[in-house]
């Protein structure tokens, strides 16, 4: 039985099988993007809603330039998407999988803190 390496998009990674080199790099970049505490706060504040930068800044207690900087990183990694509404730009979670993933990470945190 010959094992061949198939190129699979990062969003369709099956973690039950070894990752390809490209998948490993893409997943590491994604983890790096959400590994920053400020970016995690921004992502958790978005939830399933879309918000303008000012509202994100208000809900997180961060300065607007800081939020804008981190939103750019999140956007570059495909975690948020901008949406123009009139003269304002709203930021939304780019995937429906983001909030369940954050809940899973929070659950993992709770289980490791208890042990």
Protein backbone atom coordinates (compact mmCIF):
# COMPACT_ATOMS: atom_id res chain seq x y z
CA UNK A 1 0.00 0.00 0.00
CA UNK A 2 1.59 3.25 -1.12
CA UNK A 3 1.00 6.39 0.93
CA UNK A 4 0.77 9.56 -1.13
CA UNK A 5 0.69 13.11 0.13
CA UNK A 6 -2.30 15.07 -1.09
CA UNK A 7 -2.53 18.82 -1.10
CA UNK A 8 -5.57 19.83 0.95
CA UNK A 9 -6.77 23.33 1.77
CA UNK A 10 -6.12 24.24 5.45
CA UNK A 11 -9.84 24.57 6.23
CA UNK A 12 -10.44 20.92 5.28
CA UNK A 13 -7.65 19.46 7.40
CA UNK A 14 -8.47 16.13 9.04
CA UNK A 15 -6.49 16.18 12.29
CA UNK A 16 -6.70 12.38 12.48
CA UNK A 17 -4.08 12.13 9.74
CA UNK A 18 -0.58 13.64 9.58
CA UNK A 19 -0.50 17.16 8.20
CA UNK A 20 1.40 18.00 5.05
CA UNK A 21 4.19 20.55 5.25
CA UNK A 22 1.97 23.24 3.69
CA UNK A 23 -0.89 22.44 6.07
CA UNK A 24 1.48 22.60 9.03
CA UNK A 25 2.73 26.03 7.99
CA UNK A 26 -0.80 27.35 7.37
CA UNK A 27 -2.09 25.99 10.67
CA UNK A 28 0.89 27.42 12.57
CA UNK A 29 0.25 30.85 11.03
CA UNK A 30 -3.40 30.61 12.02
CA UNK A 31 -2.46 29.63 15.59
CA UNK A 32 0.02 32.50 15.72
CA UNK A 33 -2.72 34.93 14.69
CA UNK A 34 -5.14 33.76 17.39
CA UNK A 35 -2.32 33.22 19.89
CA UNK A 36 -2.17 36.92 20.71
CA UNK A 37 -4.31 37.91 23.74
CA UNK A 38 -5.50 41.13 22.09
CA UNK A 39 -6.61 39.33 18.96
CA UNK A 40 -8.43 36.71 21.04
CA UNK A 41 -10.30 39.51 22.83
CA UNK A 42 -11.29 41.03 19.51
CA UNK A 43 -12.46 37.70 18.10
CA UNK A 44 -14.46 36.86 21.21
CA UNK A 45 -16.07 40.31 21.22
CA UNK A 46 -17.21 39.87 17.62
CA UNK A 47 -19.10 36.69 18.36
CA UNK A 48 -21.52 36.26 15.51
CA UNK A 49 -22.12 40.00 15.07
CA UNK A 50 -20.40 42.41 12.71
CA UNK A 51 -19.08 45.59 14.31
CA UNK A 52 -17.22 48.74 13.25
CA UNK A 53 -13.75 49.35 14.68
CA UNK A 54 -15.03 51.94 17.17
CA UNK A 55 -17.55 49.53 18.64
CA UNK A 56 -14.91 46.78 18.89
CA UNK A 57 -12.61 49.23 20.66
CA UNK A 58 -15.38 50.16 23.07
CA UNK A 59 -16.35 46.56 23.83
CA UNK A 60 -12.75 45.47 24.45
CA UNK A 61 -11.49 48.61 26.17
CA UNK A 62 -8.68 48.89 23.63
CA UNK A 63 -7.62 51.99 21.72
CA UNK A 64 -8.95 52.25 18.17
CA UNK A 65 -5.47 52.24 16.50
CA UNK A 66 -4.62 49.06 18.42
CA UNK A 67 -7.84 47.40 17.29
CA UNK A 68 -7.22 48.45 13.68
CA UNK A 69 -3.71 46.98 13.76
CA UNK A 70 -4.90 43.65 15.12
CA UNK A 71 -7.88 43.52 12.75
CA UNK A 72 -5.43 43.82 9.87
CA UNK A 73 -3.53 40.76 11.11
CA UNK A 74 -6.78 38.84 11.57
CA UNK A 75 -7.96 39.89 8.12
CA UNK A 76 -4.65 38.87 6.52
CA UNK A 77 -5.02 35.42 8.12
CA UNK A 78 -8.60 35.07 6.90
CA UNK A 79 -10.19 35.15 10.36
CA UNK A 80 -12.25 38.31 9.87
CA UNK A 81 -13.66 39.98 6.82
CA UNK A 82 -14.49 43.64 6.26
CA UNK A 83 -17.99 44.56 5.12
CA UNK A 84 -18.80 48.06 3.89
CA UNK A 85 -22.10 49.45 5.16
CA UNK A 86 -22.62 52.95 3.87
CA UNK A 87 -19.56 54.94 4.87
CA UNK A 88 -18.54 52.54 7.66
CA UNK A 89 -16.59 49.31 7.54
CA UNK A 90 -17.84 46.53 9.79
CA UNK A 91 -15.72 43.52 10.70
CA UNK A 92 -17.26 40.07 10.85
CA UNK A 93 -15.97 36.61 11.67
CA UNK A 94 -14.92 35.11 8.35
CA UNK A 95 -16.12 31.62 9.25
CA UNK A 96 -19.04 30.15 11.15
CA UNK A 97 -16.49 27.75 12.68
CA UNK A 98 -14.69 30.52 14.55
CA UNK A 99 -16.99 30.80 17.58
CA UNK A 100 -17.28 27.04 18.18
CA UNK A 101 -13.49 26.87 17.92
CA UNK A 102 -13.09 29.65 20.49
CA UNK A 103 -15.55 27.87 22.78
CA UNK A 104 -13.51 24.68 22.42
CA UNK A 105 -10.33 26.57 23.28
CA UNK A 106 -12.04 28.12 26.31
CA UNK A 107 -13.19 24.66 27.41
CA UNK A 108 -9.66 23.33 26.95
CA UNK A 109 -8.36 26.20 29.07
CA UNK A 110 -10.89 25.44 31.81
CA UNK A 111 -9.99 21.74 31.83
CA UNK A 112 -6.23 22.36 31.98
CA UNK A 113 -6.55 24.97 34.74
CA UNK A 114 -8.51 22.56 36.95
CA UNK A 115 -5.87 19.82 36.74
